[in-house]
PDB file of N, CA and C in Angstrom:
ATOM      1  N   UNK A   1     135.169 148.125 115.062  1.00  0.00           N
ATOM      2  CA  UNK A   1     135.886 147.806 113.845  1.00  0.00           C
ATOM      3  C   UNK A   1     135.318 146.514 113.259  1.00  0.00           C
ATOM      4  N   UNK A   2     135.145 146.515 111.971  1.00  0.00           N
ATOM      5  CA  UNK A   2     134.662 145.330 111.270  1.00  0.00           C
ATOM      6  C   UNK A   2     135.851 144.440 110.915  1.00  0.00           C
ATOM      7  N   UNK A   3     135.576 143.159 110.733  1.00  0.00           N
ATOM      8  CA  UNK A   3     136.608 142.224 110.287  1.00  0.00           C
ATOM      9  C   UNK A   3     136.399 141.925 108.812  1.00  0.00           C
ATOM     10  N   UNK A   4     137.504 141.804 108.103  1.00  0.00           N
ATOM     11  CA  UNK A   4     137.498 141.504 106.675  1.00  0.00           C
ATOM     12  C   UNK A   4     138.454 140.350 106.418  1.00  0.00           C
ATOM     13  N   UNK A   5     138.098 139.515 105.451  1.00  0.00           N
ATOM     14  CA  UNK A   5     138.981 138.427 105.049  1.00  0.00           C
ATOM     15  C   UNK A   5     139.577 138.753 103.687  1.00  0.00           C
ATOM     16  N   UNK A   6     140.859 138.540 103.574  1.00  0.00           N
ATOM     17  CA  UNK A   6     141.562 138.682 102.307  1.00  0.00           C
ATOM     18  C   UNK A   6     141.848 137.268 101.822  1.00  0.00           C
ATOM     19  N   UNK A   7     141.149 136.822 100.788  1.00  0.00           N
ATOM     20  CA  UNK A   7     141.367 135.503 100.205  1.00  0.00           C
ATOM     21  C   UNK A   7     142.395 135.662  99.091  1.00  0.00           C
ATOM     22  N   UNK A   8     143.506 134.962  99.212  1.00  0.00           N
ATOM     23  CA  UNK A   8     144.644 135.147  98.317  1.00  0.00           C
ATOM     24  C   UNK A   8     144.602 134.119  97.187  1.00  0.00           C
ATOM     25  N   UNK A   9     144.187 134.558  96.019  1.00  0.00           N
ATOM     26  CA  UNK A   9     144.085 133.691  94.842  1.00  0.00           C
ATOM     27  C   UNK A   9     145.358 133.809  94.015  1.00  0.00           C
ATOM     28  N   UNK A  10     145.724 132.698  93.356  1.00  0.00           N
ATOM     29  CA  UNK A  10     146.963 132.715  92.584  1.00  0.00           C
ATOM     30  C   UNK A  10     146.976 131.641  91.510  1.00  0.00           C
ATOM     31  N   UNK A  11     147.832 131.848  90.551  1.00  0.00           N
ATOM     32  CA  UNK A  11     148.143 130.844  89.536  1.00  0.00           C
ATOM     33  C   UNK A  11     149.352 130.081  90.059  1.00  0.00           C
ATOM     34  N   UNK A  12     149.212 128.789  90.387  1.00  0.00           N
ATOM     35  CA  UNK A  12     150.339 128.067  90.987  1.00  0.00           C
ATOM     36  C   UNK A  12     151.580 128.036  90.104  1.00  0.00           C
ATOM     37  N   UNK A  13     151.409 128.105  88.804  1.00  0.00           N
ATOM     38  CA  UNK A  13     152.568 128.081  87.909  1.00  0.00           C
ATOM     39  C   UNK A  13     153.431 129.332  88.081  1.00  0.00           C
ATOM     40  N   UNK A  14     152.813 130.453  88.402  1.00  0.00           N
ATOM     41  CA  UNK A  14     153.582 131.686  88.611  1.00  0.00           C
ATOM     42  C   UNK A  14     154.526 131.507  89.793  1.00  0.00           C
ATOM     43  N   UNK A  15     154.019 130.969  90.897  1.00  0.00           N
ATOM     44  CA  UNK A  15     154.850 130.798  92.081  1.00  0.00           C
ATOM     45  C   UNK A  15     155.891 129.699  91.876  1.00  0.00           C
ATOM     46  N   UNK A  16     155.535 128.649  91.131  1.00  0.00           N
ATOM     47  CA  UNK A  16     156.489 127.568  90.869  1.00  0.00           C
ATOM     48  C   UNK A  16     157.639 128.032  89.986  1.00  0.00           C
ATOM     49  N   UNK A  17     157.437 129.097  89.228  1.00  0.00           N
ATOM     50  CA  UNK A  17     158.479 129.579  88.316  1.00  0.00           C
ATOM     51  C   UNK A  17     159.487 130.508  88.997  1.00  0.00           C
ATOM     52  N   UNK A  18     159.240 130.881  90.243  1.00  0.00           N
ATOM     53  CA  UNK A  18     160.151 131.790  90.942  1.00  0.00           C
ATOM     54  C   UNK A  18     161.426 131.067  91.363  1.00  0.00           C
ATOM     55  N   UNK A  19     162.551 131.752  91.293  1.00  0.00           N
ATOM     56  CA  UNK A  19     163.823 131.195  91.765  1.00  0.00           C
ATOM     57  C   UNK A  19     163.824 131.203  93.294  1.00  0.00           C
ATOM     58  N   UNK A  20     164.702 130.431  93.928  1.00  0.00           N
ATOM     59  CA  UNK A  20     164.785 130.470  95.391  1.00  0.00           C
ATOM     60  C   UNK A  20     165.031 131.886  95.924  1.00  0.00           C
ATOM     61  N   UNK A  21     165.829 132.661  95.223  1.00  0.00           N
ATOM     62  CA  UNK A  21     166.100 134.036  95.657  1.00  0.00           C
ATOM     63  C   UNK A  21     164.841 134.898  95.561  1.00  0.00           C
ATOM     64  N   UNK A  22     164.084 134.723  94.492  1.00  0.00           N
ATOM     65  CA  UNK A  22     162.830 135.468  94.328  1.00  0.00           C
ATOM     66  C   UNK A  22     161.820 135.062  95.400  1.00  0.00           C
ATOM     67  N   UNK A  23     161.770 133.760  95.713  1.00  0.00           N
ATOM     68  CA  UNK A  23     160.858 133.280  96.762  1.00  0.00           C
ATOM     69  C   UNK A  23     161.239 133.893  98.110  1.00  0.00           C
ATOM     70  N   UNK A  24     162.530 133.909  98.423  1.00  0.00           N
ATOM     71  CA  UNK A  24     162.986 134.472  99.692  1.00  0.00           C
ATOM     72  C   UNK A  24     162.635 135.950  99.777  1.00  0.00           C
ATOM     73  N   UNK A  25     162.844 136.687  98.699  1.00  0.00           N
ATOM     74  CA  UNK A  25     162.505 138.114  98.676  1.00  0.00           C
ATOM     75  C   UNK A  25     161.002 138.309  98.841  1.00  0.00           C
ATOM     76  N   UNK A  26     160.208 137.441  98.219  1.00  0.00           N
ATOM     77  CA  UNK A  26     158.755 137.536  98.335  1.00  0.00           C
ATOM     78  C   UNK A  26     158.321 137.273  99.786  1.00  0.00           C
ATOM     79  N   UNK A  27     158.883 136.215 100.405  1.00  0.00           N
ATOM     80  CA  UNK A  27     158.536 135.914 101.796  1.00  0.00           C
ATOM     81  C   UNK A  27     158.885 137.085 102.711  1.00  0.00           C
ATOM     82  N   UNK A  28     159.995 137.751 102.433  1.00  0.00           N
ATOM     83  CA  UNK A  28     160.394 138.913 103.235  1.00  0.00           C
ATOM     84  C   UNK A  28     159.378 140.051 103.079  1.00  0.00           C
ATOM     85  N   UNK A  29     158.860 140.250 101.872  1.00  0.00           N
ATOM     86  CA  UNK A  29     157.838 141.297 101.660  1.00  0.00           C
ATOM     87  C   UNK A  29     156.552 140.954 102.420  1.00  0.00           C
ATOM     88  N   UNK A  30     156.147 139.674 102.405  1.00  0.00           N
ATOM     89  CA  UNK A  30     154.968 139.257 103.175  1.00  0.00           C
ATOM     90  C   UNK A  30     155.199 139.498 104.667  1.00  0.00           C
ATOM     91  N   UNK A  31     156.388 139.112 105.157  1.00  0.00           N
ATOM     92  CA  UNK A  31     156.685 139.278 106.579  1.00  0.00           C
ATOM     93  C   UNK A  31     156.635 140.750 106.976  1.00  0.00           C
ATOM     94  N   UNK A  32     157.253 141.611 106.174  1.00  0.00           N
ATOM     95  CA  UNK A  32     157.289 143.042 106.481  1.00  0.00           C
ATOM     96  C   UNK A  32     155.890 143.650 106.445  1.00  0.00           C
ATOM     97  N   UNK A  33     155.082 143.272 105.445  1.00  0.00           N
ATOM     98  CA  UNK A  33     153.720 143.798 105.358  1.00  0.00           C
ATOM     99  C   UNK A  33     152.903 143.327 106.563  1.00  0.00           C
ATOM    100  N   UNK A  34     153.004 142.035 106.896  1.00  0.00           N
ATOM    101  CA  UNK A  34     152.267 141.500 108.041  1.00  0.00           C
ATOM    102  C   UNK A  34     152.648 142.194 109.341  1.00  0.00           C
ATOM    103  N   UNK A  35     153.930 142.454 109.524  1.00  0.00           N
ATOM    104  CA  UNK A  35     154.393 143.142 110.728  1.00  0.00           C
ATOM    105  C   UNK A  35     153.830 144.561 110.786  1.00  0.00           C
ATOM    106  N   UNK A  36     153.841 145.250 109.662  1.00  0.00           N
ATOM    107  CA  UNK A  36     153.317 146.625 109.610  1.00  0.00           C
ATOM    108  C   UNK A  36     151.827 146.651 109.973  1.00  0.00           C
ATOM    109  N   UNK A  37     151.063 145.725 109.416  1.00  0.00           N
ATOM    110  CA  UNK A  37     149.619 145.675 109.687  1.00  0.00           C
ATOM    111  C   UNK A  37     149.374 145.270 111.143  1.00  0.00           C
ATOM    112  N   UNK A  38     150.187 144.331 111.652  1.00  0.00           N
ATOM    113  CA  UNK A  38     150.059 143.901 113.044  1.00  0.00           C
ATOM    114  C   UNK A  38     150.364 145.055 113.994  1.00  0.00           C
ATOM    115  N   UNK A  39     151.447 145.803 113.718  1.00  0.00           N
ATOM    116  CA  UNK A  39     151.823 146.925 114.580  1.00  0.00           C
ATOM    117  C   UNK A  39     150.770 148.027 114.565  1.00  0.00           C
ATOM    118  N   UNK A  40     150.012 148.138 113.476  1.00  0.00           N
ATOM    119  CA  UNK A  40     148.929 149.121 113.392  1.00  0.00           C
ATOM    120  C   UNK A  40     147.665 148.624 114.097  1.00  0.00           C
ATOM    121  N   UNK A  41     147.705 147.392 114.634  1.00  0.00           N
ATOM    122  CA  UNK A  41     146.551 146.833 115.333  1.00  0.00           C
ATOM    123  C   UNK A  41     145.436 146.383 114.402  1.00  0.00           C
ATOM    124  N   UNK A  42     145.765 146.149 113.134  1.00  0.00           N
ATOM    125  CA  UNK A  42     144.743 145.795 112.150  1.00  0.00           C
ATOM    126  C   UNK A  42     144.754 144.318 111.771  1.00  0.00           C
ATOM    127  N   UNK A  43     145.794 143.585 112.135  1.00  0.00           N
ATOM    128  CA  UNK A  43     145.901 142.174 111.766  1.00  0.00           C
ATOM    129  C   UNK A  43     145.229 141.309 112.820  1.00  0.00           C
ATOM    130  N   UNK A  44     144.306 140.464 112.395  1.00  0.00           N
ATOM    131  CA  UNK A  44     143.692 139.487 113.285  1.00  0.00           C
ATOM    132  C   UNK A  44     144.435 138.162 113.161  1.00  0.00           C
ATOM    133  N   UNK A  45     144.781 137.775 111.934  1.00  0.00           N
ATOM    134  CA  UNK A  45     145.518 136.536 111.715  1.00  0.00           C
ATOM    135  C   UNK A  45     145.647 136.237 110.240  1.00  0.00           C
ATOM    136  N   UNK A  46     146.351 135.171 109.951  1.00  0.00           N
ATOM    137  CA  UNK A  46     146.521 134.777 108.564  1.00  0.00           C
ATOM    138  C   UNK A  46     147.150 133.411 108.463  1.00  0.00           C
ATOM    139  N   UNK A  47     146.941 132.771 107.324  1.00  0.00           N
ATOM    140  CA  UNK A  47     147.488 131.435 107.099  1.00  0.00           C
ATOM    141  C   UNK A  47     147.793 131.223 105.627  1.00  0.00           C
ATOM    142  N   UNK A  48     148.907 130.561 105.348  1.00  0.00           N
ATOM    143  CA  UNK A  48     149.189 130.055 104.009  1.00  0.00           C
ATOM    144  C   UNK A  48     148.568 128.667 103.953  1.00  0.00           C
ATOM    145  N   UNK A  49     147.908 128.342 102.866  1.00  0.00           N
ATOM    146  CA  UNK A  49     147.336 127.013 102.715  1.00  0.00           C
ATOM    147  C   UNK A  49     148.374 126.082 102.108  1.00  0.00           C
ATOM    148  N   UNK A  50     148.319 124.813 102.494  1.00  0.00           N
ATOM    149  CA  UNK A  50     149.243 123.812 101.949  1.00  0.00           C
ATOM    150  C   UNK A  50     149.092 123.748 100.441  1.00  0.00           C
ATOM    151  N   UNK A  51     150.184 123.458  99.760  1.00  0.00           N
ATOM    152  CA  UNK A  51     150.159 123.381  98.307  1.00  0.00           C
ATOM    153  C   UNK A  51     149.433 122.136  97.801  1.00  0.00           C
ATOM    154  N   UNK A  52     149.319 121.110  98.631  1.00  0.00           N
ATOM    155  CA  UNK A  52     148.597 119.908  98.204  1.00  0.00           C
ATOM    156  C   UNK A  52     147.127 120.238  97.984  1.00  0.00           C
ATOM    157  N   UNK A  53     146.426 119.382  97.295  1.00  0.00           N
ATOM    158  CA  UNK A  53     145.106 119.688  96.773  1.00  0.00           C
ATOM    159  C   UNK A  53     143.978 119.970  97.729  1.00  0.00           C
ATOM    160  N   UNK A  54     143.938 119.391  98.907  1.00  0.00           N
ATOM    161  CA  UNK A  54     142.782 119.578  99.771  1.00  0.00           C
ATOM    162  C   UNK A  54     141.614 118.712  99.321  1.00  0.00           C
ATOM    163  N   UNK A  55     140.409 119.048  99.724  1.00  0.00           N
ATOM    164  CA  UNK A  55     139.214 118.262  99.398  1.00  0.00           C
ATOM    165  C   UNK A  55     138.055 119.179  99.039  1.00  0.00           C
ATOM    166  N   UNK A  56     137.227 118.709  98.135  1.00  0.00           N
ATOM    167  CA  UNK A  56     135.933 119.343  97.839  1.00  0.00           C
ATOM    168  C   UNK A  56     134.872 118.464  98.471  1.00  0.00           C
ATOM    169  N   UNK A  57     133.933 119.047  99.190  1.00  0.00           N
ATOM    170  CA  UNK A  57     132.870 118.276  99.837  1.00  0.00           C
ATOM    171  C   UNK A  57     131.524 118.812  99.394  1.00  0.00           C
ATOM    172  N   UNK A  58     130.631 117.873  99.027  1.00  0.00           N
ATOM    173  CA  UNK A  58     129.277 118.234  98.590  1.00  0.00           C
ATOM    174  C   UNK A  58     128.296 117.182  99.082  1.00  0.00           C
ATOM    175  N   UNK A  59     127.072 117.628  99.282  1.00  0.00           N
ATOM    176  CA  UNK A  59     126.002 116.672  99.594  1.00  0.00           C
ATOM    177  C   UNK A  59     125.611 115.957  98.310  1.00  0.00           C
ATOM    178  N   UNK A  60     125.391 114.669  98.435  1.00  0.00           N
ATOM    179  CA  UNK A  60     124.898 113.943  97.271  1.00  0.00           C
ATOM    180  C   UNK A  60     123.383 113.781  97.386  1.00  0.00           C
ATOM    181  N   UNK A  61     122.765 113.175  96.416  1.00  0.00           N
ATOM    182  CA  UNK A  61     121.307 113.100  96.343  1.00  0.00           C
ATOM    183  C   UNK A  61     120.634 112.395  97.505  1.00  0.00           C
ATOM    184  N   UNK A  62     121.323 111.478  98.178  1.00  0.00           N
ATOM    185  CA  UNK A  62     120.683 110.744  99.279  1.00  0.00           C
ATOM    186  C   UNK A  62     120.929 111.385 100.641  1.00  0.00           C
ATOM    187  N   UNK A  63     121.459 112.609 100.660  1.00  0.00           N
ATOM    188  CA  UNK A  63     121.681 113.322 101.917  1.00  0.00           C
ATOM    189  C   UNK A  63     123.048 113.088 102.526  1.00  0.00           C
ATOM    190  N   UNK A  64     123.808 112.162 101.954  1.00  0.00           N
ATOM    191  CA  UNK A  64     125.161 111.920 102.432  1.00  0.00           C
ATOM    192  C   UNK A  64     126.112 112.988 101.907  1.00  0.00           C
ATOM    193  N   UNK A  65     127.352 112.871 102.317  1.00  0.00           N
ATOM    194  CA  UNK A  65     128.373 113.823 101.885  1.00  0.00           C
ATOM    195  C   UNK A  65     129.412 113.079 101.056  1.00  0.00           C
ATOM    196  N   UNK A  66     129.773 113.672  99.938  1.00  0.00           N
ATOM    197  CA  UNK A  66     130.768 113.091  99.040  1.00  0.00           C
ATOM    198  C   UNK A  66     131.989 114.009  99.022  1.00  0.00           C
ATOM    199  N   UNK A  67     133.162 113.452  99.303  1.00  0.00           N
ATOM    200  CA  UNK A  67     134.404 114.229  99.288  1.00  0.00           C
ATOM    201  C   UNK A  67     135.276 113.751  98.133  1.00  0.00           C
ATOM    202  N   UNK A  68     135.837 114.702  97.393  1.00  0.00           N
ATOM    203  CA  UNK A  68     136.747 114.376  96.296  1.00  0.00           C
ATOM    204  C   UNK A  68     138.026 115.184  96.455  1.00  0.00           C
ATOM    205  N   UNK A  69     139.093 114.683  95.860  1.00  0.00           N
ATOM    206  CA  UNK A  69     140.351 115.429  95.857  1.00  0.00           C
ATOM    207  C   UNK A  69     140.184 116.710  95.063  1.00  0.00           C
ATOM    208  N   UNK A  70     140.878 117.741  95.456  1.00  0.00           N
ATOM    209  CA  UNK A  70     140.849 118.986  94.703  1.00  0.00           C
ATOM    210  C   UNK A  70     141.267 120.134  95.589  1.00  0.00           C
ATOM    211  N   UNK A  71     141.581 121.288  95.098  1.00  0.00           N
ATOM    212  CA  UNK A  71     141.689 121.575  93.668  1.00  0.00           C
ATOM    213  C   UNK A  71     142.876 120.838  93.071  1.00  0.00           C
ATOM    214  N   UNK A  72     142.852 120.662  91.806  1.00  0.00           N
ATOM    215  CA  UNK A  72     143.856 119.865  91.128  1.00  0.00           C
ATOM    216  C   UNK A  72     145.054 120.711  90.741  1.00  0.00           C
ATOM    217  N   UNK A  73     146.211 120.067  90.628  1.00  0.00           N
ATOM    218  CA  UNK A  73     147.442 120.798  90.335  1.00  0.00           C
ATOM    219  C   UNK A  73     147.390 121.493  88.989  1.00  0.00           C
ATOM    220  N   UNK A  74     146.570 120.986  88.069  1.00  0.00           N
ATOM    221  CA  UNK A  74     146.475 121.636  86.766  1.00  0.00           C
ATOM    222  C   UNK A  74     145.517 122.828  86.778  1.00  0.00           C
ATOM    223  N   UNK A  75     144.944 123.124  87.931  1.00  0.00           N
ATOM    224  CA  UNK A  75     144.036 124.270  88.024  1.00  0.00           C
ATOM    225  C   UNK A  75     144.799 125.549  87.692  1.00  0.00           C
ATOM    226  N   UNK A  76     144.132 126.444  86.975  1.00  0.00           N
ATOM    227  CA  UNK A  76     144.774 127.711  86.608  1.00  0.00           C
ATOM    228  C   UNK A  76     144.812 128.674  87.783  1.00  0.00           C
ATOM    229  N   UNK A  77     143.952 128.452  88.749  1.00  0.00           N
ATOM    230  CA  UNK A  77     143.867 129.368  89.876  1.00  0.00           C
ATOM    231  C   UNK A  77     143.522 128.582  91.134  1.00  0.00           C
ATOM    232  N   UNK A  78     144.212 128.888  92.230  1.00  0.00           N
ATOM    233  CA  UNK A  78     143.943 128.233  93.504  1.00  0.00           C
ATOM    234  C   UNK A  78     143.884 129.285  94.610  1.00  0.00           C
ATOM    235  N   UNK A  79     143.305 128.898  95.720  1.00  0.00           N
ATOM    236  CA  UNK A  79     143.299 129.729  96.918  1.00  0.00           C
ATOM    237  C   UNK A  79     144.551 129.366  97.703  1.00  0.00           C
ATOM    238  N   UNK A  80     145.484 130.303  97.812  1.00  0.00           N
ATOM    239  CA  UNK A  80     146.776 130.015  98.415  1.00  0.00           C
ATOM    240  C   UNK A  80     146.893 130.374  99.886  1.00  0.00           C
ATOM    241  N   UNK A  81     145.973 131.196 100.390  1.00  0.00           N
ATOM    242  CA  UNK A  81     146.057 131.598 101.781  1.00  0.00           C
ATOM    243  C   UNK A  81     145.021 132.649 102.103  1.00  0.00           C
ATOM    244  N   UNK A  82     145.098 133.168 103.320  1.00  0.00           N
ATOM    245  CA  UNK A  82     144.129 134.170 103.750  1.00  0.00           C
ATOM    246  C   UNK A  82     144.698 135.003 104.883  1.00  0.00           C
ATOM    247  N   UNK A  83     144.168 136.187 104.997  1.00  0.00           N
ATOM    248  CA  UNK A  83     144.411 137.060 106.147  1.00  0.00           C
ATOM    249  C   UNK A  83     143.061 137.539 106.645  1.00  0.00           C
ATOM    250  N   UNK A  84     142.969 137.780 107.944  1.00  0.00           N
ATOM    251  CA  UNK A  84     141.811 138.454 108.527  1.00  0.00           C
ATOM    252  C   UNK A  84     142.338 139.748 109.135  1.00  0.00           C
ATOM    253  N   UNK A  85     141.715 140.854 108.739  1.00  0.00           N
ATOM    254  CA  UNK A  85     142.130 142.173 109.217  1.00  0.00           C
ATOM    255  C   UNK A  85     140.941 142.889 109.845  1.00  0.00           C
ATOM    256  N   UNK A  86     141.227 143.948 110.578  1.00  0.00           N
ATOM    257  CA  UNK A  86     140.195 144.827 111.134  1.00  0.00           C
ATOM    258  C   UNK A  86     140.287 146.175 110.442  1.00  0.00           C
ATOM    259  N   UNK A  87     139.126 146.722 110.097  1.00  0.00           N
ATOM    260  CA  UNK A  87     139.090 148.035 109.454  1.00  0.00           C
ATOM    261  C   UNK A  87     137.739 148.675 109.732  1.00  0.00           C
ATOM    262  N   UNK A  88     137.685 149.985 109.592  1.00  0.00           N
ATOM    263  CA  UNK A  88     136.444 150.711 109.837  1.00  0.00           C
ATOM    264  C   UNK A  88     135.390 150.472 108.775  1.00  0.00           C
ATOM    265  N   UNK A  89     135.824 150.278 107.533  1.00  0.00           N
ATOM    266  CA  UNK A  89     134.891 150.062 106.426  1.00  0.00           C
ATOM    267  C   UNK A  89     135.662 149.463 105.246  1.00  0.00           C
ATOM    268  N   UNK A  90     134.935 149.208 104.147  1.00  0.00           N
ATOM    269  CA  UNK A  90     135.580 148.619 102.973  1.00  0.00           C
ATOM    270  C   UNK A  90     136.720 149.491 102.446  1.00  0.00           C
ATOM    271  N   UNK A  91     136.530 150.790 102.467  1.00  0.00           N
ATOM    272  CA  UNK A  91     137.563 151.681 101.937  1.00  0.00           C
ATOM    273  C   UNK A  91     138.876 151.503 102.707  1.00  0.00           C
ATOM    274  N   UNK A  92     138.785 151.479 104.021  1.00  0.00           N
ATOM    275  CA  UNK A  92     139.989 151.290 104.829  1.00  0.00           C
ATOM    276  C   UNK A  92     140.575 149.893 104.610  1.00  0.00           C
ATOM    277  N   UNK A  93     139.713 148.883 104.506  1.00  0.00           N
ATOM    278  CA  UNK A  93     140.189 147.518 104.247  1.00  0.00           C
ATOM    279  C   UNK A  93     140.911 147.443 102.905  1.00  0.00           C
ATOM    280  N   UNK A  94     140.387 148.139 101.902  1.00  0.00           N
ATOM    281  CA  UNK A  94     141.048 148.177 100.589  1.00  0.00           C
ATOM    282  C   UNK A  94     142.426 148.826 100.694  1.00  0.00           C
ATOM    283  N   UNK A  95     142.524 149.890 101.476  1.00  0.00           N
ATOM    284  CA  UNK A  95     143.814 150.567 101.653  1.00  0.00           C
ATOM    285  C   UNK A  95     144.837 149.629 102.285  1.00  0.00           C
ATOM    286  N   UNK A  96     144.398 148.851 103.267  1.00  0.00           N
ATOM    287  CA  UNK A  96     145.295 147.885 103.906  1.00  0.00           C
ATOM    288  C   UNK A  96     145.701 146.812 102.896  1.00  0.00           C
ATOM    289  N   UNK A  97     144.720 146.275 102.176  1.00  0.00           N
ATOM    290  CA  UNK A  97     144.973 145.188 101.222  1.00  0.00           C
ATOM    291  C   UNK A  97     145.873 145.630 100.074  1.00  0.00           C
ATOM    292  N   UNK A  98     145.822 146.899  99.706  1.00  0.00           N
ATOM    293  CA  UNK A  98     146.641 147.386  98.588  1.00  0.00           C
ATOM    294  C   UNK A  98     148.133 147.218  98.850  1.00  0.00           C
ATOM    295  N   UNK A  99     148.517 147.185 100.111  1.00  0.00           N
ATOM    296  CA  UNK A  99     149.927 147.001 100.441  1.00  0.00           C
ATOM    297  C   UNK A  99     150.373 145.552 100.480  1.00  0.00           C
ATOM    298  N   UNK A 100     149.430 144.620 100.366  1.00  0.00           N
ATOM    299  CA  UNK A 100     149.761 143.199 100.463  1.00  0.00           C
ATOM    300  C   UNK A 100     150.577 142.761  99.247  1.00  0.00           C
ATOM    301  N   UNK A 101     151.735 142.147  99.466  1.00  0.00           N
ATOM    302  CA  UNK A 101     152.583 141.739  98.349  1.00  0.00           C
ATOM    303  C   UNK A 101     151.974 140.650  97.479  1.00  0.00           C
ATOM    304  N   UNK A 102     150.884 140.051  97.912  1.00  0.00           N
ATOM    305  CA  UNK A 102     150.244 139.025  97.082  1.00  0.00           C
ATOM    306  C   UNK A 102     149.796 139.605  95.747  1.00  0.00           C
ATOM    307  N   UNK A 103     149.511 140.889  95.722  1.00  0.00           N
ATOM    308  CA  UNK A 103     149.069 141.533  94.483  1.00  0.00           C
ATOM    309  C   UNK A 103     150.174 141.571  93.424  1.00  0.00           C
ATOM    310  N   UNK A 104     151.421 141.300  93.811  1.00  0.00           N
ATOM    311  CA  UNK A 104     152.516 141.255  92.839  1.00  0.00           C
ATOM    312  C   UNK A 104     152.390 140.056  91.902  1.00  0.00           C
ATOM    313  N   UNK A 105     151.802 138.957  92.402  1.00  0.00           N
ATOM    314  CA  UNK A 105     151.747 137.710  91.630  1.00  0.00           C
ATOM    315  C   UNK A 105     150.374 137.047  91.618  1.00  0.00           C
ATOM    316  N   UNK A 106     149.387 137.656  92.242  1.00  0.00           N
ATOM    317  CA  UNK A 106     148.061 137.047  92.324  1.00  0.00           C
ATOM    318  C   UNK A 106     147.012 138.125  92.498  1.00  0.00           C
ATOM    319  N   UNK A 107     145.838 137.723  92.979  1.00  0.00           N
ATOM    320  CA  UNK A 107     144.791 138.705  93.238  1.00  0.00           C
ATOM    321  C   UNK A 107     144.119 138.379  94.554  1.00  0.00           C
ATOM    322  N   UNK A 108     143.462 139.391  95.119  1.00  0.00           N
ATOM    323  CA  UNK A 108     142.848 139.282  96.442  1.00  0.00           C
ATOM    324  C   UNK A 108     141.343 139.482  96.331  1.00  0.00           C
ATOM    325  N   UNK A 109     140.609 138.568  96.953  1.00  0.00           N
ATOM    326  CA  UNK A 109     139.163 138.743  97.113  1.00  0.00           C
ATOM    327  C   UNK A 109     138.956 139.280  98.528  1.00  0.00           C
ATOM    328  N   UNK A 110     138.363 140.441  98.645  1.00  0.00           N
ATOM    329  CA  UNK A 110     138.151 141.104  99.931  1.00  0.00           C
ATOM    330  C   UNK A 110     136.682 140.991 100.299  1.00  0.00           C
ATOM    331  N   UNK A 111     136.398 140.397 101.472  1.00  0.00           N
ATOM    332  CA  UNK A 111     135.012 140.223 101.914  1.00  0.00           C
ATOM    333  C   UNK A 111     134.899 140.607 103.385  1.00  0.00           C
ATOM    334  N   UNK A 112     133.793 141.260 103.732  1.00  0.00           N
ATOM    335  CA  UNK A 112     133.548 141.573 105.136  1.00  0.00           C
ATOM    336  C   UNK A 112     132.998 140.331 105.818  1.00  0.00           C
ATOM    337  N   UNK A 113     133.462 140.079 107.028  1.00  0.00           N
ATOM    338  CA  UNK A 113     132.998 138.932 107.805  1.00  0.00           C
ATOM    339  C   UNK A 113     131.723 139.324 108.528  1.00  0.00           C
ATOM    340  N   UNK A 114     130.716 138.495 108.414  1.00  0.00           N
ATOM    341  CA  UNK A 114     129.438 138.695 109.087  1.00  0.00           C
ATOM    342  C   UNK A 114     129.479 137.887 110.379  1.00  0.00           C
ATOM    343  N   UNK A 115     129.729 138.551 111.488  1.00  0.00           N
ATOM    344  CA  UNK A 115     129.833 137.860 112.779  1.00  0.00           C
ATOM    345  C   UNK A 115     128.504 137.193 113.105  1.00  0.00           C
ATOM    346  N   UNK A 116     128.567 135.934 113.459  1.00  0.00           N
ATOM    347  CA  UNK A 116     127.344 135.173 113.750  1.00  0.00           C
ATOM    348  C   UNK A 116     127.215 134.927 115.237  1.00  0.00           C
TER     349      UNK A 116
END
């Protein structure tokens, strides 16, 4: 079985606009989907990323590394979390990802992991 990563992209304003009841219902949908995928033996793991900005790191011209704050809160789109799943091929991975509740309010980038 191949491993695939589901990168969960979102507009932070969409999630900030949800009521506490809507957030609770959304978390329940994530929990139920994760349990279903786990029980099918397809879930490897997953994480929600902190809402704070994180860091961008790049090499600068002298070979050193420069770190800056980011992504910024005014960003229209952020990476909110990830899942790693197991599937036979992209088609099966797409079928698994289609059930992910993240698609209700965001979009998913699906990539196969190249084991090194």
